C-alpha cells in the first residue's frame, strides 16, 4: 500500500493483484511495482522492469535490471512508505510518473525524504519500467 495526498486528507491505494496481468494501465503498473518492491516479489519485478531498465540514485548509484532486482531482494524493505504529489504524464506510448516520497527503513530505522521519477514504456501489452531516478532531499517535503 502507499499513501497519496496530504497528511490531513491522505488516500490509501492498494494493488490487489497477486500477479502482473495484461493489459494494464500505467497506474496499475505503478501500483504493481510498489507492491512488488514492498513484498520483494522477484517474479513480478522481472515482469515489470524492462530488459533495458536503468536506475540512478543519490551518490551516483547506477543499477541495471539484474542489479536492481538483486538489491531489492538483498535489502530490507521499508517499514512505511508515503508518496505525495503523484503525477502521471502520458506521452503516447510513454508514461512519466513523478512523486515525492518519505520512507522509514527497517534496517537502519532511518527516515528518508526525496523525489522519484519513473519512466514507463508500453511494450507489447505491458507497461514496463525503463528508468527510475531517486533523489534524497532534506526532511520535511
C-alpha atoms as a PDB file:
ATOM      1  CA  UNK A   1       0.000   0.000   0.000  1.00  0.00           C
ATOM      2  CA  UNK A   2       1.082   3.538  -0.451  1.00  0.00           C
ATOM      3  CA  UNK A   3      -0.362   6.812   0.663  1.00  0.00           C
ATOM      4  CA  UNK A   4      -1.255   9.650  -1.679  1.00  0.00           C
ATOM      5  CA  UNK A   5      -2.133  13.197  -0.763  1.00  0.00           C
ATOM      6  CA  UNK A   6      -1.501  15.469   2.193  1.00  0.00           C
ATOM      7  CA  UNK A   7      -1.409  14.299   5.766  1.00  0.00           C
ATOM      8  CA  UNK A   8      -4.908  15.565   6.545  1.00  0.00           C
ATOM      9  CA  UNK A   9      -6.676  14.039   3.537  1.00  0.00           C
ATOM     10  CA  UNK A  10      -4.482  11.129   2.549  1.00  0.00           C
ATOM     11  CA  UNK A  11      -5.855   8.376   0.360  1.00  0.00           C
ATOM     12  CA  UNK A  12      -4.601   4.828   0.759  1.00  0.00           C
ATOM     13  CA  UNK A  13      -4.293   2.947  -2.527  1.00  0.00           C
ATOM     14  CA  UNK A  14      -3.710  -0.794  -2.825  1.00  0.00           C
ATOM     15  CA  UNK A  15      -2.628  -3.096  -5.597  1.00  0.00           C
ATOM     16  CA  UNK A  16      -4.726  -6.214  -5.021  1.00  0.00           C
ATOM     17  CA  UNK A  17      -3.356  -8.202  -7.944  1.00  0.00           C
ATOM     18  CA  UNK A  18      -1.043 -11.015  -6.999  1.00  0.00           C
ATOM     19  CA  UNK A  19       0.489 -11.245 -10.433  1.00  0.00           C
ATOM     20  CA  UNK A  20       1.074  -8.780 -13.208  1.00  0.00           C
ATOM     21  CA  UNK A  21      -1.553  -9.258 -15.873  1.00  0.00           C
ATOM     22  CA  UNK A  22      -2.021  -7.822 -19.330  1.00  0.00           C
ATOM     23  CA  UNK A  23      -3.309  -5.374 -20.358  1.00  0.00           C
ATOM     24  CA  UNK A  24      -2.990  -2.871 -17.552  1.00  0.00           C
ATOM     25  CA  UNK A  25      -2.945   0.891 -17.287  1.00  0.00           C
ATOM     26  CA  UNK A  26       0.176   2.842 -16.277  1.00  0.00           C
ATOM     27  CA  UNK A  27      -1.477   3.430 -12.883  1.00  0.00           C
ATOM     28  CA  UNK A  28      -1.984  -0.309 -12.418  1.00  0.00           C
ATOM     29  CA  UNK A  29       1.632  -0.950 -13.453  1.00  0.00           C
ATOM     30  CA  UNK A  30       2.811   1.650 -10.931  1.00  0.00           C
ATOM     31  CA  UNK A  31       0.703   0.078  -8.161  1.00  0.00           C
ATOM     32  CA  UNK A  32       2.015  -3.376  -9.089  1.00  0.00           C
ATOM     33  CA  UNK A  33       5.589  -2.048  -8.976  1.00  0.00           C
ATOM     34  CA  UNK A  34       5.113  -0.614  -5.476  1.00  0.00           C
ATOM     35  CA  UNK A  35       3.600  -3.884  -4.281  1.00  0.00           C
ATOM     36  CA  UNK A  36       6.421  -5.944  -5.824  1.00  0.00           C
ATOM     37  CA  UNK A  37       9.022  -3.668  -4.186  1.00  0.00           C
ATOM     38  CA  UNK A  38       7.361  -3.907  -0.780  1.00  0.00           C
ATOM     39  CA  UNK A  39       6.933  -7.690  -0.915  1.00  0.00           C
ATOM     40  CA  UNK A  40      10.304  -8.309  -2.603  1.00  0.00           C
ATOM     41  CA  UNK A  41       8.481 -10.182  -5.370  1.00  0.00           C
ATOM     42  CA  UNK A  42      11.238 -11.136  -7.826  1.00  0.00           C
ATOM     43  CA  UNK A  43       8.871 -12.663 -10.408  1.00  0.00           C
ATOM     44  CA  UNK A  44       6.755  -9.528 -10.731  1.00  0.00           C
ATOM     45  CA  UNK A  45       9.820  -7.270 -10.678  1.00  0.00           C
ATOM     46  CA  UNK A  46      11.230  -9.344 -13.540  1.00  0.00           C
ATOM     47  CA  UNK A  47       7.992  -8.776 -15.479  1.00  0.00           C
ATOM     48  CA  UNK A  48       7.590  -5.075 -14.655  1.00  0.00           C
ATOM     49  CA  UNK A  49      11.163  -3.938 -15.359  1.00  0.00           C
ATOM     50  CA  UNK A  50      12.237  -3.642 -18.969  1.00  0.00           C
ATOM     51  CA  UNK A  51      15.326  -5.594 -20.027  1.00  0.00           C
ATOM     52  CA  UNK A  52      16.961  -2.203 -20.688  1.00  0.00           C
ATOM     53  CA  UNK A  53      15.975  -0.828 -17.245  1.00  0.00           C
ATOM     54  CA  UNK A  54      18.315   1.681 -15.585  1.00  0.00           C
ATOM     55  CA  UNK A  55      18.174   3.041 -12.037  1.00  0.00           C
ATOM     56  CA  UNK A  56      20.048   6.088 -10.807  1.00  0.00           C
ATOM     57  CA  UNK A  57      20.091   7.345  -7.270  1.00  0.00           C
ATOM     58  CA  UNK A  58      21.850   9.575  -4.822  1.00  0.00           C
ATOM     59  CA  UNK A  59      25.650   9.307  -4.676  1.00  0.00           C
ATOM     60  CA  UNK A  60      25.927   8.265  -8.344  1.00  0.00           C
ATOM     61  CA  UNK A  61      24.283   4.910  -7.737  1.00  0.00           C
ATOM     62  CA  UNK A  62      23.625   3.146 -11.062  1.00  0.00           C
ATOM     63  CA  UNK A  63      21.956  -0.240 -11.481  1.00  0.00           C
ATOM     64  CA  UNK A  64      20.694  -2.265 -14.417  1.00  0.00           C
ATOM     65  CA  UNK A  65      17.691  -4.596 -14.170  1.00  0.00           C
ATOM     66  CA  UNK A  66      19.573  -7.555 -12.699  1.00  0.00           C
ATOM     67  CA  UNK A  67      21.457  -5.375 -10.189  1.00  0.00           C
ATOM     68  CA  UNK A  68      18.309  -3.518  -9.110  1.00  0.00           C
ATOM     69  CA  UNK A  69      16.295  -6.679  -8.500  1.00  0.00           C
ATOM     70  CA  UNK A  70      19.217  -8.182  -6.578  1.00  0.00           C
ATOM     71  CA  UNK A  71      19.499  -5.008  -4.484  1.00  0.00           C
ATOM     72  CA  UNK A  72      15.774  -5.119  -3.663  1.00  0.00           C
ATOM     73  CA  UNK A  73      15.945  -8.798  -2.680  1.00  0.00           C
ATOM     74  CA  UNK A  74      19.060  -8.400  -0.501  1.00  0.00           C
ATOM     75  CA  UNK A  75      17.985  -5.313   1.439  1.00  0.00           C
ATOM     76  CA  UNK A  76      15.245  -4.834   3.996  1.00  0.00           C
ATOM     77  CA  UNK A  77      12.065  -3.291   2.668  1.00  0.00           C
ATOM     78  CA  UNK A  78      10.757  -0.081   4.151  1.00  0.00           C
ATOM     79  CA  UNK A  79       8.679  -0.048   7.311  1.00  0.00           C
ATOM     80  CA  UNK A  80       6.440   2.613   5.788  1.00  0.00           C
ATOM     81  CA  UNK A  81       6.220   4.494   2.509  1.00  0.00           C
ATOM     82  CA  UNK A  82       4.191   7.581   1.777  1.00  0.00           C
ATOM     83  CA  UNK A  83       4.009   9.080  -1.688  1.00  0.00           C
ATOM     84  CA  UNK A  84       2.677  12.578  -2.223  1.00  0.00           C
ATOM     85  CA  UNK A  85       2.033  14.767  -5.218  1.00  0.00           C
ATOM     86  CA  UNK A  86       1.928  11.832  -7.609  1.00  0.00           C
ATOM     87  CA  UNK A  87       1.608  12.983 -11.205  1.00  0.00           C
ATOM     88  CA  UNK A  88       1.112  10.813 -14.284  1.00  0.00           C
ATOM     89  CA  UNK A  89       2.022  12.387 -17.632  1.00  0.00           C
ATOM     90  CA  UNK A  90       1.105  10.441 -20.751  1.00  0.00           C
ATOM     91  CA  UNK A  91       3.153  10.829 -23.935  1.00  0.00           C
ATOM     92  CA  UNK A  92       1.678   8.324 -26.413  1.00  0.00           C
ATOM     93  CA  UNK A  93       3.375   5.001 -25.520  1.00  0.00           C
ATOM     94  CA  UNK A  94       5.326   6.540 -22.628  1.00  0.00           C
ATOM     95  CA  UNK A  95       4.139   7.471 -19.151  1.00  0.00           C
ATOM     96  CA  UNK A  96       6.159   9.614 -16.762  1.00  0.00           C
ATOM     97  CA  UNK A  97       5.372   9.330 -13.058  1.00  0.00           C
ATOM     98  CA  UNK A  98       6.632  11.969 -10.651  1.00  0.00           C
ATOM     99  CA  UNK A  99       6.289  11.577  -6.873  1.00  0.00           C
ATOM    100  CA  UNK A 100       7.635  12.841  -3.594  1.00  0.00           C
ATOM    101  CA  UNK A 101       8.360  10.147  -1.050  1.00  0.00           C
ATOM    102  CA  UNK A 102       9.014   9.629   2.612  1.00  0.00           C
ATOM    103  CA  UNK A 103      10.023   6.212   3.814  1.00  0.00           C
ATOM    104  CA  UNK A 104      11.201   4.679   7.010  1.00  0.00           C
ATOM    105  CA  UNK A 105      13.774   1.946   6.609  1.00  0.00           C
ATOM    106  CA  UNK A 106      13.658  -1.316   8.513  1.00  0.00           C
ATOM    107  CA  UNK A 107      17.399  -1.903   8.597  1.00  0.00           C
ATOM    108  CA  UNK A 108      18.709   1.376   9.981  1.00  0.00           C
ATOM    109  CA  UNK A 109      15.494   2.818  11.422  1.00  0.00           C
ATOM    110  CA  UNK A 110      16.035   5.953   9.399  1.00  0.00           C
ATOM    111  CA  UNK A 111      13.610   8.251   7.620  1.00  0.00           C
ATOM    112  CA  UNK A 112      14.343   9.413   4.082  1.00  0.00           C
ATOM    113  CA  UNK A 113      12.665  12.115   2.034  1.00  0.00           C
ATOM    114  CA  UNK A 114      13.017  12.520  -1.686  1.00  0.00           C
ATOM    115  CA  UNK A 115      11.687  12.716  -5.187  1.00  0.00           C
ATOM    116  CA  UNK A 116      11.308   9.917  -7.714  1.00  0.00           C
ATOM    117  CA  UNK A 117      10.789   9.869 -11.444  1.00  0.00           C
ATOM    118  CA  UNK A 118       9.605   6.681 -13.145  1.00  0.00           C
ATOM    119  CA  UNK A 119       9.521   6.187 -16.911  1.00  0.00           C
ATOM    120  CA  UNK A 120       7.135   3.509 -18.181  1.00  0.00           C
ATOM    121  CA  UNK A 121       7.004   2.480 -21.849  1.00  0.00           C
ATOM    122  CA  UNK A 122       4.288   0.328 -23.383  1.00  0.00           C
ATOM    123  CA  UNK A 123       5.942  -2.821 -24.747  1.00  0.00           C
ATOM    124  CA  UNK A 124       3.503  -5.246 -26.365  1.00  0.00           C
ATOM    125  CA  UNK A 125       0.582  -5.268 -23.903  1.00  0.00           C
ATOM    126  CA  UNK A 126       2.526  -4.362 -20.756  1.00  0.00           C
ATOM    127  CA  UNK A 127       3.732  -1.082 -19.317  1.00  0.00           C
ATOM    128  CA  UNK A 128       7.397  -1.714 -18.492  1.00  0.00           C
ATOM    129  CA  UNK A 129       9.552   0.440 -16.248  1.00  0.00           C
ATOM    130  CA  UNK A 130      12.573   1.511 -18.296  1.00  0.00           C
ATOM    131  CA  UNK A 131      14.087   4.088 -15.931  1.00  0.00           C
ATOM    132  CA  UNK A 132      13.851   5.281 -12.354  1.00  0.00           C
ATOM    133  CA  UNK A 133      15.660   8.090 -10.602  1.00  0.00           C
ATOM    134  CA  UNK A 134      15.533   8.767  -6.853  1.00  0.00           C
ATOM    135  CA  UNK A 135      16.909  11.929  -5.239  1.00  0.00           C
ATOM    136  CA  UNK A 136      17.074  12.296  -1.484  1.00  0.00           C
ATOM    137  CA  UNK A 137      16.298  15.764  -0.160  1.00  0.00           C
ATOM    138  CA  UNK A 138      16.178  17.475   3.211  1.00  0.00           C
ATOM    139  CA  UNK A 139      13.493  16.499   5.729  1.00  0.00           C
ATOM    140  CA  UNK A 140      10.010  17.901   5.596  1.00  0.00           C
ATOM    141  CA  UNK A 141       8.986  17.732   1.957  1.00  0.00           C
END
